[in-house]
């Protein structure tokens, strides 16, 4: 009887430890102006190992993420977004990366931003 009780207790402890949620949810601000930006931002995020979901809102500039904390972190995701030409809260895209985006996606230029309102 003690053996069965001990086995069940050990099984429960093992199950609980493996059932811990590794997924983290986060929200960051990413600059952009259009649906091409949305596609580029989401694709850069999803190419990051461990990112399971990435949805960017054109109007609010909010990127909602679900990612595995054991495989990546927010800094890595933001580096990949900046590498495709989009500024984040913490990282600014290089001029080379920014220059590579389509002319209608030049979110740093006031005239382009006004066109997309």
C-alpha atoms as a PDB file:
ATOM      1  CA  UNK A   1       0.000   0.000   0.000  1.00  0.00           C
ATOM      2  CA  UNK A   2       2.843   2.407   0.834  1.00  0.00           C
ATOM      3  CA  UNK A   3       4.444   1.589  -2.517  1.00  0.00           C
ATOM      4  CA  UNK A   4       1.268   2.461  -4.437  1.00  0.00           C
ATOM      5  CA  UNK A   5       0.831   5.719  -2.512  1.00  0.00           C
ATOM      6  CA  UNK A   6       4.469   6.654  -3.064  1.00  0.00           C
ATOM      7  CA  UNK A   7       4.220   5.828  -6.789  1.00  0.00           C
ATOM      8  CA  UNK A   8       1.092   7.947  -7.205  1.00  0.00           C
ATOM      9  CA  UNK A   9       2.668  10.857  -5.335  1.00  0.00           C
ATOM     10  CA  UNK A  10       5.787  10.669  -7.502  1.00  0.00           C
ATOM     11  CA  UNK A  11       3.659  10.497 -10.656  1.00  0.00           C
ATOM     12  CA  UNK A  12       1.716  13.607  -9.611  1.00  0.00           C
ATOM     13  CA  UNK A  13       4.878  15.575  -8.853  1.00  0.00           C
ATOM     14  CA  UNK A  14       6.411  14.571 -12.200  1.00  0.00           C
ATOM     15  CA  UNK A  15       3.255  15.532 -14.109  1.00  0.00           C
ATOM     16  CA  UNK A  16       3.061  18.930 -12.445  1.00  0.00           C
ATOM     17  CA  UNK A  17       6.698  19.729 -13.152  1.00  0.00           C
ATOM     18  CA  UNK A  18       6.361  18.843 -16.849  1.00  0.00           C
ATOM     19  CA  UNK A  19       3.056  20.676 -17.200  1.00  0.00           C
ATOM     20  CA  UNK A  20       4.560  24.100 -16.454  1.00  0.00           C
ATOM     21  CA  UNK A  21       3.736  26.632 -19.090  1.00  0.00           C
ATOM     22  CA  UNK A  22       6.853  27.716 -20.981  1.00  0.00           C
ATOM     23  CA  UNK A  23       4.926  30.126 -23.178  1.00  0.00           C
ATOM     24  CA  UNK A  24       5.120  33.796 -22.416  1.00  0.00           C
ATOM     25  CA  UNK A  25       2.836  36.524 -23.693  1.00  0.00           C
ATOM     26  CA  UNK A  26       4.182  39.968 -24.424  1.00  0.00           C
ATOM     27  CA  UNK A  27       3.203  43.133 -26.186  1.00  0.00           C
ATOM     28  CA  UNK A  28       5.646  45.609 -27.716  1.00  0.00           C
ATOM     29  CA  UNK A  29       5.359  48.714 -29.842  1.00  0.00           C
ATOM     30  CA  UNK A  30       6.726  48.471 -33.390  1.00  0.00           C
ATOM     31  CA  UNK A  31       6.739  51.336 -35.907  1.00  0.00           C
ATOM     32  CA  UNK A  32       5.112  50.841 -39.290  1.00  0.00           C
ATOM     33  CA  UNK A  33       2.281  52.252 -41.400  1.00  0.00           C
ATOM     34  CA  UNK A  34       0.668  49.682 -43.684  1.00  0.00           C
ATOM     35  CA  UNK A  35      -0.218  46.077 -44.426  1.00  0.00           C
ATOM     36  CA  UNK A  36       3.187  45.486 -46.054  1.00  0.00           C
ATOM     37  CA  UNK A  37       4.759  46.559 -42.762  1.00  0.00           C
ATOM     38  CA  UNK A  38       2.415  44.194 -40.914  1.00  0.00           C
ATOM     39  CA  UNK A  39       3.501  41.293 -43.094  1.00  0.00           C
ATOM     40  CA  UNK A  40       7.200  42.129 -42.696  1.00  0.00           C
ATOM     41  CA  UNK A  41       6.991  42.586 -38.902  1.00  0.00           C
ATOM     42  CA  UNK A  42       5.006  39.402 -38.309  1.00  0.00           C
ATOM     43  CA  UNK A  43       7.228  37.358 -40.626  1.00  0.00           C
ATOM     44  CA  UNK A  44      10.416  38.581 -38.898  1.00  0.00           C
ATOM     45  CA  UNK A  45       8.906  37.719 -35.531  1.00  0.00           C
ATOM     46  CA  UNK A  46       7.735  34.263 -36.575  1.00  0.00           C
ATOM     47  CA  UNK A  47      11.131  33.426 -38.070  1.00  0.00           C
ATOM     48  CA  UNK A  48      12.582  33.770 -34.577  1.00  0.00           C
ATOM     49  CA  UNK A  49      12.955  30.304 -33.094  1.00  0.00           C
ATOM     50  CA  UNK A  50      10.435  29.876 -30.293  1.00  0.00           C
ATOM     51  CA  UNK A  51       7.886  32.459 -31.449  1.00  0.00           C
ATOM     52  CA  UNK A  52       4.511  30.784 -31.779  1.00  0.00           C
ATOM     53  CA  UNK A  53       2.276  33.738 -32.559  1.00  0.00           C
ATOM     54  CA  UNK A  54       2.850  37.303 -33.735  1.00  0.00           C
ATOM     55  CA  UNK A  55       0.040  39.720 -34.569  1.00  0.00           C
ATOM     56  CA  UNK A  56       0.770  43.386 -35.303  1.00  0.00           C
ATOM     57  CA  UNK A  57      -1.989  46.009 -35.297  1.00  0.00           C
ATOM     58  CA  UNK A  58      -1.556  48.699 -37.963  1.00  0.00           C
ATOM     59  CA  UNK A  59      -3.474  51.369 -36.042  1.00  0.00           C
ATOM     60  CA  UNK A  60      -2.064  50.886 -32.547  1.00  0.00           C
ATOM     61  CA  UNK A  61       1.419  49.681 -33.628  1.00  0.00           C
ATOM     62  CA  UNK A  62       1.129  46.968 -30.973  1.00  0.00           C
ATOM     63  CA  UNK A  63       2.739  43.593 -31.629  1.00  0.00           C
ATOM     64  CA  UNK A  64       1.237  40.816 -29.526  1.00  0.00           C
ATOM     65  CA  UNK A  65       3.529  37.828 -29.110  1.00  0.00           C
ATOM     66  CA  UNK A  66       3.375  34.325 -27.721  1.00  0.00           C
ATOM     67  CA  UNK A  67       6.795  32.694 -27.447  1.00  0.00           C
ATOM     68  CA  UNK A  68       8.670  29.939 -25.650  1.00  0.00           C
ATOM     69  CA  UNK A  69      10.857  31.559 -23.005  1.00  0.00           C
ATOM     70  CA  UNK A  70      13.222  28.583 -23.104  1.00  0.00           C
ATOM     71  CA  UNK A  71      14.038  29.252 -26.771  1.00  0.00           C
ATOM     72  CA  UNK A  72      14.015  33.048 -27.171  1.00  0.00           C
ATOM     73  CA  UNK A  73      13.463  36.375 -25.466  1.00  0.00           C
ATOM     74  CA  UNK A  74      12.067  39.806 -26.324  1.00  0.00           C
ATOM     75  CA  UNK A  75      15.486  41.245 -27.126  1.00  0.00           C
ATOM     76  CA  UNK A  76      16.133  38.599 -29.786  1.00  0.00           C
ATOM     77  CA  UNK A  77      12.703  39.133 -31.319  1.00  0.00           C
ATOM     78  CA  UNK A  78      13.235  42.904 -31.396  1.00  0.00           C
ATOM     79  CA  UNK A  79      16.645  42.461 -33.052  1.00  0.00           C
ATOM     80  CA  UNK A  80      15.028  40.432 -35.843  1.00  0.00           C
ATOM     81  CA  UNK A  81      12.333  43.071 -36.333  1.00  0.00           C
ATOM     82  CA  UNK A  82      14.925  45.869 -36.438  1.00  0.00           C
ATOM     83  CA  UNK A  83      16.943  43.841 -38.958  1.00  0.00           C
ATOM     84  CA  UNK A  84      14.057  44.082 -41.450  1.00  0.00           C
ATOM     85  CA  UNK A  85      13.788  47.866 -41.010  1.00  0.00           C
ATOM     86  CA  UNK A  86      11.308  48.519 -38.210  1.00  0.00           C
ATOM     87  CA  UNK A  87      11.973  50.381 -34.967  1.00  0.00           C
ATOM     88  CA  UNK A  88      10.804  48.858 -31.686  1.00  0.00           C
ATOM     89  CA  UNK A  89      10.512  50.288 -28.188  1.00  0.00           C
ATOM     90  CA  UNK A  90      14.100  49.388 -27.354  1.00  0.00           C
ATOM     91  CA  UNK A  91      15.874  49.013 -30.694  1.00  0.00           C
ATOM     92  CA  UNK A  92      16.116  51.306 -33.680  1.00  0.00           C
ATOM     93  CA  UNK A  93      16.611  49.803 -37.122  1.00  0.00           C
ATOM     94  CA  UNK A  94      19.862  50.675 -38.848  1.00  0.00           C
ATOM     95  CA  UNK A  95      19.677  53.191 -41.685  1.00  0.00           C
ATOM     96  CA  UNK A  96      20.549  50.400 -44.138  1.00  0.00           C
ATOM     97  CA  UNK A  97      17.703  48.210 -42.878  1.00  0.00           C
ATOM     98  CA  UNK A  98      15.263  51.132 -42.903  1.00  0.00           C
ATOM     99  CA  UNK A  99      16.301  52.114 -46.439  1.00  0.00           C
ATOM    100  CA  UNK A 100      15.507  48.573 -47.604  1.00  0.00           C
ATOM    101  CA  UNK A 101      11.770  48.884 -46.866  1.00  0.00           C
ATOM    102  CA  UNK A 102       9.330  49.831 -49.635  1.00  0.00           C
ATOM    103  CA  UNK A 103       8.935  53.613 -50.177  1.00  0.00           C
ATOM    104  CA  UNK A 104       5.324  53.512 -48.911  1.00  0.00           C
ATOM    105  CA  UNK A 105       6.585  51.979 -45.631  1.00  0.00           C
ATOM    106  CA  UNK A 106       8.898  54.859 -44.674  1.00  0.00           C
ATOM    107  CA  UNK A 107       7.277  55.406 -41.266  1.00  0.00           C
ATOM    108  CA  UNK A 108       9.940  57.927 -40.191  1.00  0.00           C
ATOM    109  CA  UNK A 109       8.782  60.385 -42.867  1.00  0.00           C
ATOM    110  CA  UNK A 110       5.850  62.607 -41.897  1.00  0.00           C
ATOM    111  CA  UNK A 111       4.435  62.736 -45.447  1.00  0.00           C
ATOM    112  CA  UNK A 112       4.205  58.941 -45.619  1.00  0.00           C
ATOM    113  CA  UNK A 113       2.563  58.737 -42.204  1.00  0.00           C
ATOM    114  CA  UNK A 114      -0.019  61.345 -43.270  1.00  0.00           C
ATOM    115  CA  UNK A 115      -0.818  59.378 -46.439  1.00  0.00           C
ATOM    116  CA  UNK A 116      -1.703  56.325 -44.366  1.00  0.00           C
ATOM    117  CA  UNK A 117      -4.110  58.067 -41.989  1.00  0.00           C
END
